């Protein structure tokens, strides 16, 4: 498992320079069968990362550019009348892919976001009363710009909660940024050719192997205590839901597999806690103009909740 993860991250790292930790979190989200929200400033490689993961994992890739006039049918597909046969044929939309890039997801109206929500949660879409199953594995990597709000539709809490992780890349260091320039000049073209590490069936097999990673009772209870602590924090209006506890366990299990272990330790939970929980926490409105945030709440509960003793695999 660790070798597989290294191969995938090495390939993606050829395109997205210097973001190994963030890319590892995205891979953990995919191995945990989840969807990932990439929220960061423009130009930091979010779209490139999604396309690169699709290439390295051998998944069919499609991109939907979310705009204010995007209709649900533009995403799910629609029925088209065939005059020769006097019948309606279903033409699938971009959501029918192994990996869908939902670019600038917060720029589309709630009705279209609701269509995506069904796909993310149920693995299906409903068009004209007919249900169509999506391919498996199916993953959504969505991007959002956290600083430009004009003409946007903030994601409702219910949809944010469906994203297993929220990950940010951050600005590169000077050395990493120079490396980006150097690589682009050396290859003399925009595209980066990536080698496919596996395919959809291979990814499904790896995801099945992650399901066998052992989670000790003490670690599972630690996840529950962390999430419960977010609900009682003084800065919090609404804390993480039970889906947050489940997300912690599932992502920590995938992180352990990436690290080459078949069991989870508390440190795995701590590594993924901010990415799993911060977007599920709403701070009180009177604190919006302060430094209070979901990430700060997660850091606080990690410091206050007692860490169980690390257990060796038995």
Protein backbone atom coordinates (compact mmCIF):
# COMPACT_ATOMS: atom_id res chain seq x y z
CA UNK A 1 0.00 0.00 0.00
CA UNK A 2 2.76 2.44 0.92
CA UNK A 3 4.55 1.72 -2.35
CA UNK A 4 1.36 2.34 -4.31
CA UNK A 5 0.85 5.65 -2.52
CA UNK A 6 4.44 6.69 -3.17
CA UNK A 7 4.08 5.94 -6.88
CA UNK A 8 0.87 7.96 -7.16
CA UNK A 9 2.26 10.90 -5.19
CA UNK A 10 5.49 10.85 -7.19
CA UNK A 11 3.54 11.07 -10.44
CA UNK A 12 1.23 13.83 -9.23
CA UNK A 13 4.26 15.62 -7.76
CA UNK A 14 5.74 15.89 -11.24
CA UNK A 15 2.92 18.30 -12.09
CA UNK A 16 2.15 19.89 -8.69
CA UNK A 17 5.46 20.93 -7.17
CA UNK A 18 6.25 20.96 -3.46
CA UNK A 19 2.83 20.13 -1.98
CA UNK A 20 3.47 16.58 -0.84
CA UNK A 21 1.61 16.84 2.48
CA UNK A 22 -1.50 18.39 0.92
CA UNK A 23 -1.45 15.89 -1.94
CA UNK A 24 -1.13 13.04 0.58
CA UNK A 25 -4.28 14.27 2.30
CA UNK A 26 -6.13 14.36 -1.02
CA UNK A 27 -5.00 10.81 -1.77
CA UNK A 28 -6.14 9.72 1.70
CA UNK A 29 -9.56 11.17 0.96
CA UNK A 30 -9.77 9.23 -2.31
CA UNK A 31 -8.62 5.97 -0.69
CA UNK A 32 -11.27 6.51 1.98
CA UNK A 33 -13.87 6.68 -0.82
CA UNK A 34 -14.59 10.34 -0.13
CA UNK A 35 -14.85 13.66 -1.93
CA UNK A 36 -12.40 16.52 -1.39
CA UNK A 37 -12.87 20.30 -1.43
CA UNK A 38 -9.76 22.18 -2.55
CA UNK A 39 -10.13 25.70 -1.17
CA UNK A 40 -7.33 28.16 -1.80
CA UNK A 41 -6.27 31.24 -3.75
CA UNK A 42 -6.26 31.19 -7.58
CA UNK A 43 -3.26 29.80 -9.40
CA UNK A 44 -1.99 27.41 -6.72
CA UNK A 45 -2.50 24.17 -8.66
CA UNK A 46 -5.95 22.99 -7.52
CA UNK A 47 -7.23 22.19 -11.02
CA UNK A 48 -3.89 20.72 -12.03
CA UNK A 49 -3.89 18.48 -8.96
CA UNK A 50 -7.33 17.07 -9.79
CA UNK A 51 -6.39 16.35 -13.39
CA UNK A 52 -3.11 14.78 -12.28
CA UNK A 53 -4.79 12.45 -9.78
CA UNK A 54 -7.18 11.29 -12.48
CA UNK A 55 -4.27 10.53 -14.79
CA UNK A 56 -2.18 8.73 -12.18
CA UNK A 57 -5.14 6.68 -10.92
CA UNK A 58 -6.37 5.79 -14.40
CA UNK A 59 -9.84 7.30 -13.85
CA UNK A 60 -12.04 8.82 -16.53
CA UNK A 61 -11.80 12.56 -15.99
CA UNK A 62 -14.30 15.31 -16.65
CA UNK A 63 -14.44 18.95 -15.70
CA UNK A 64 -17.48 21.11 -15.04
CA UNK A 65 -16.86 24.84 -14.86
CA UNK A 66 -19.48 26.05 -12.41
CA UNK A 67 -21.08 29.35 -13.41
CA UNK A 68 -24.22 31.24 -12.29
CA UNK A 69 -26.14 30.03 -15.36
CA UNK A 70 -25.18 26.34 -15.04
CA UNK A 71 -28.31 24.17 -14.95
CA UNK A 72 -28.63 20.76 -13.27
CA UNK A 73 -29.03 19.14 -16.70
CA UNK A 74 -25.69 20.64 -17.76
CA UNK A 75 -24.14 18.53 -15.02
CA UNK A 76 -26.23 15.37 -14.94
CA UNK A 77 -27.18 15.07 -18.60
CA UNK A 78 -30.59 15.12 -20.21
CA UNK A 79 -32.97 13.28 -22.51
CA UNK A 80 -32.81 14.17 -26.20
CA UNK A 81 -35.53 13.25 -28.68
CA UNK A 82 -34.42 11.04 -31.57
CA UNK A 83 -36.74 11.82 -34.47
CA UNK A 84 -35.74 8.76 -36.47
CA UNK A 85 -36.74 6.32 -33.73
CA UNK A 86 -39.38 8.57 -32.10
CA UNK A 87 -37.74 7.93 -28.72
CA UNK A 88 -35.90 9.89 -26.07
CA UNK A 89 -32.25 8.97 -25.50
CA UNK A 90 -30.34 9.85 -22.35
CA UNK A 91 -27.10 11.72 -22.95
CA UNK A 92 -24.90 11.61 -19.84
CA UNK A 93 -23.37 14.82 -18.50
CA UNK A 94 -19.88 15.39 -17.09
CA UNK A 95 -20.83 13.87 -13.74
CA UNK A 96 -20.56 10.42 -15.36
CA UNK A 97 -16.82 10.04 -14.79
CA UNK A 98 -14.47 8.36 -12.37
CA UNK A 99 -13.20 11.75 -11.18
CA UNK A 100 -15.19 14.94 -11.62
CA UNK A 101 -13.52 18.30 -11.20
CA UNK A 102 -16.19 20.72 -9.98
CA UNK A 103 -14.33 23.93 -10.70
CA UNK A 104 -15.35 26.97 -8.61
CA UNK A 105 -18.24 25.06 -7.09
CA UNK A 106 -19.48 28.08 -5.15
CA UNK A 107 -20.31 30.00 -8.35
CA UNK A 108 -23.39 27.96 -9.25
CA UNK A 109 -26.93 28.28 -7.81
CA UNK A 110 -28.26 25.95 -5.07
CA UNK A 111 -30.41 23.98 -7.53
CA UNK A 112 -27.35 22.79 -9.44
CA UNK A 113 -25.43 22.22 -6.22
CA UNK A 114 -28.31 19.99 -5.09
CA UNK A 115 -27.93 17.85 -8.22
CA UNK A 116 -24.25 17.41 -7.41
CA UNK A 117 -25.11 16.62 -3.79
CA UNK A 118 -27.20 13.63 -4.87
CA UNK A 119 -24.33 12.37 -6.99
CA UNK A 120 -21.84 12.75 -4.14
CA UNK A 121 -24.01 11.14 -1.48
CA UNK A 122 -25.95 8.49 -3.39
CA UNK A 123 -23.67 7.71 -6.34
CA UNK A 124 -26.55 8.38 -8.72
CA UNK A 125 -28.45 11.14 -10.50
CA UNK A 126 -32.16 11.50 -11.14
CA UNK A 127 -33.24 12.97 -14.48
CA UNK A 128 -36.88 13.23 -15.52
CA UNK A 129 -37.80 10.82 -12.73
CA UNK A 130 -35.32 8.20 -13.91
CA UNK A 131 -32.38 7.17 -11.74
CA UNK A 132 -28.99 6.57 -13.33
CA UNK A 133 -26.12 5.00 -11.43
CA UNK A 134 -22.70 6.62 -11.64
CA UNK A 135 -19.50 4.65 -12.32
CA UNK A 136 -17.57 3.23 -9.42
CA UNK A 137 -15.21 4.46 -8.09
CA UNK A 138 -16.67 7.96 -8.32
CA UNK A 139 -14.97 10.96 -6.72
CA UNK A 140 -15.53 14.70 -6.77
CA UNK A 141 -12.63 17.09 -6.35
CA UNK A 142 -14.16 20.54 -6.06
CA UNK A 143 -12.35 23.87 -6.04
CA UNK A 144 -13.40 27.11 -4.36
CA UNK A 145 -11.87 30.57 -4.09
CA UNK A 146 -12.00 31.73 -0.43
CA UNK A 147 -11.37 35.44 -1.07
CA UNK A 148 -13.74 36.45 -3.89
CA UNK A 149 -17.41 36.35 -2.93
CA UNK A 150 -19.11 38.58 -5.51
CA UNK A 151 -21.43 36.49 -7.64
CA UNK A 152 -20.98 33.35 -5.52
CA UNK A 153 -23.40 31.08 -3.71
CA UNK A 154 -21.93 29.90 -0.40
CA UNK A 155 -22.08 26.14 -0.01
CA UNK A 156 -24.78 25.11 2.48
CA UNK A 157 -23.62 23.33 5.61
CA UNK A 158 -25.25 20.10 4.41
CA UNK A 159 -23.13 20.08 1.27
CA UNK A 160 -19.93 21.06 3.07
CA UNK A 161 -20.55 18.15 5.40
CA UNK A 162 -20.55 15.76 2.41
CA UNK A 163 -16.93 16.60 1.64
CA UNK A 164 -14.73 14.23 3.56
CA UNK A 165 -11.83 16.71 3.54
CA UNK A 166 -11.15 20.36 2.87
CA UNK A 167 -7.54 20.92 1.80
CA UNK A 168 -5.55 24.05 1.00
CA UNK A 169 -2.20 24.15 -0.81
CA UNK A 170 -0.87 27.52 0.26
CA UNK A 171 1.74 29.58 -1.54
CA UNK A 172 4.96 27.79 -2.57
CA UNK A 173 8.36 28.71 -1.18
CA UNK A 174 10.74 30.67 -3.39
CA UNK A 175 12.63 27.47 -4.20
CA UNK A 176 9.46 25.60 -5.11
CA UNK A 177 8.22 28.45 -7.27
CA UNK A 178 11.53 28.54 -9.13
CA UNK A 179 11.24 24.77 -9.63
CA UNK A 180 7.85 25.32 -11.28
CA UNK A 181 9.43 27.79 -13.71
CA UNK A 182 12.43 25.59 -14.40
CA UNK A 183 10.34 22.52 -15.17
CA UNK A 184 8.10 24.47 -17.52
CA UNK A 185 11.08 25.89 -19.42
CA UNK A 186 12.79 22.50 -19.63
CA UNK A 187 9.83 20.62 -21.11
CA UNK A 188 9.02 23.48 -23.58
CA UNK A 189 5.27 22.91 -23.47
CA UNK A 190 2.42 23.35 -21.04
CA UNK A 191 1.28 19.73 -20.61
CA UNK A 192 2.91 17.30 -18.20
CA UNK A 193 2.83 13.66 -19.28
CA UNK A 194 2.04 11.44 -16.31
CA UNK A 195 2.37 7.67 -16.12
CA UNK A 196 -0.75 5.79 -15.08
CA UNK A 197 -0.10 3.87 -11.87
CA UNK A 198 -3.37 1.91 -11.76
CA UNK A 199 -6.90 1.91 -13.20
CA UNK A 200 -10.42 2.08 -11.79
CA UNK A 201 -10.45 -1.62 -10.86
CA UNK A 202 -7.03 -1.33 -9.23
CA UNK A 203 -8.12 1.70 -7.21
CA UNK A 204 -11.22 -0.17 -6.05
CA UNK A 205 -8.99 -3.03 -4.89
CA UNK A 206 -6.78 -0.63 -2.92
CA UNK A 207 -9.85 0.96 -1.36
CA UNK A 208 -11.04 -2.50 -0.33
CA UNK A 209 -7.65 -3.13 1.29
CA UNK A 210 -7.99 0.11 3.27
CA UNK A 211 -11.25 -1.26 4.70
CA UNK A 212 -9.20 -3.96 6.43
CA UNK A 213 -7.00 -1.51 8.36
CA UNK A 214 -7.56 -2.11 12.09
CA UNK A 215 -8.97 0.67 14.30
CA UNK A 216 -8.60 0.01 18.05
CA UNK A 217 -11.50 0.92 20.31
CA UNK A 218 -9.40 3.53 22.12
CA UNK A 219 -8.65 5.31 18.83
CA UNK A 220 -12.30 5.23 17.74
CA UNK A 221 -13.39 6.66 21.10
CA UNK A 222 -10.70 9.33 20.77
CA UNK A 223 -12.30 10.41 17.48
CA UNK A 224 -15.70 10.62 19.16
CA UNK A 225 -14.30 12.70 22.03
CA UNK A 226 -12.62 15.13 19.63
CA UNK A 227 -15.81 15.70 17.71
CA UNK A 228 -17.87 16.05 20.89
CA UNK A 229 -15.39 18.67 22.13
CA UNK A 230 -16.00 20.80 19.02
CA UNK A 231 -19.68 21.08 20.00
CA UNK A 232 -18.97 22.46 23.47
CA UNK A 233 -16.20 24.90 22.54
CA UNK A 234 -16.95 28.49 23.56
CA UNK A 235 -16.47 29.89 20.03
CA UNK A 236 -18.72 27.38 18.29
CA UNK A 237 -22.29 27.85 17.10
CA UNK A 238 -22.58 24.35 15.61
CA UNK A 239 -19.93 21.69 16.00
CA UNK A 240 -19.07 18.72 13.83
CA UNK A 241 -21.78 16.13 13.24
CA UNK A 242 -21.41 12.36 13.74
CA UNK A 243 -20.32 12.31 10.09
CA UNK A 244 -17.23 14.11 11.37
CA UNK A 245 -16.41 11.23 13.71
CA UNK A 246 -16.83 8.77 10.88
CA UNK A 247 -14.74 10.94 8.58
CA UNK A 248 -11.94 11.04 11.15
CA UNK A 249 -11.84 7.26 11.44
CA UNK A 250 -12.06 6.61 7.70
CA UNK A 251 -9.42 9.19 6.76
CA UNK A 252 -7.07 8.16 9.57
CA UNK A 253 -7.36 4.59 8.36
CA UNK A 254 -6.41 5.63 4.83
CA UNK A 255 -3.54 7.74 6.19
CA UNK A 256 -2.23 4.73 8.12
CA UNK A 257 -2.35 2.65 4.93
CA UNK A 258 -0.41 5.32 3.05
CA UNK A 259 2.21 5.17 5.79
CA UNK A 260 2.49 1.40 5.37
CA UNK A 261 0.62 0.28 8.50
CA UNK A 262 -2.42 -1.96 8.81
CA UNK A 263 -3.54 -0.31 12.05
CA UNK A 264 -4.34 3.25 13.12
CA UNK A 265 -2.53 5.19 15.86
CA UNK A 266 -3.71 8.47 17.46
CA UNK A 267 -1.10 10.42 15.51
CA UNK A 268 -2.90 9.45 12.28
CA UNK A 269 -6.06 11.07 13.65
CA UNK A 270 -4.17 14.24 14.60
CA UNK A 271 -2.64 14.59 11.14
CA UNK A 272 -6.00 14.53 9.36
CA UNK A 273 -8.16 16.21 12.04
CA UNK A 274 -7.99 19.78 10.73
CA UNK A 275 -8.76 18.77 7.13
CA UNK A 276 -11.66 16.56 8.24
CA UNK A 277 -13.28 18.76 10.90
CA UNK A 278 -12.56 22.46 10.30
CA UNK A 279 -15.14 22.91 7.52
CA UNK A 280 -17.82 21.18 9.60
CA UNK A 281 -17.61 23.79 12.38
CA UNK A 282 -19.51 27.08 12.40
CA UNK A 283 -18.23 29.78 14.73
CA UNK A 284 -20.59 32.24 16.40
CA UNK A 285 -21.58 35.21 14.18
CA UNK A 286 -20.27 37.76 16.66
CA UNK A 287 -16.78 36.26 16.19
CA UNK A 288 -16.68 36.47 12.38
CA UNK A 289 -14.49 39.57 12.46
CA UNK A 290 -12.02 37.97 14.87
CA UNK A 291 -9.39 35.28 14.47
CA UNK A 292 -11.86 32.56 15.48
CA UNK A 293 -12.21 29.78 12.91
CA UNK A 294 -12.95 26.11 12.57
CA UNK A 295 -9.25 25.35 12.22
CA UNK A 296 -8.46 27.13 15.50
CA UNK A 297 -11.22 25.18 17.24
CA UNK A 298 -9.76 21.90 15.97
CA UNK A 299 -6.30 22.89 17.20
CA UNK A 300 -7.79 23.73 20.59
CA UNK A 301 -9.60 20.42 21.02
CA UNK A 302 -6.52 18.48 19.91
CA UNK A 303 -4.66 20.17 22.76
CA UNK A 304 -7.39 19.65 25.36
CA UNK A 305 -8.61 16.10 24.67
CA UNK A 306 -6.39 13.43 26.21
CA UNK A 307 -4.55 11.33 23.64
CA UNK A 308 -4.86 7.56 24.18
CA UNK A 309 -1.70 5.57 24.60
CA UNK A 310 -0.31 4.48 21.24
CA UNK A 311 -1.01 0.81 20.80
CA UNK A 312 1.31 -1.53 18.98
CA UNK A 313 -0.37 -3.79 16.49
CA UNK A 314 -1.27 -7.11 17.98
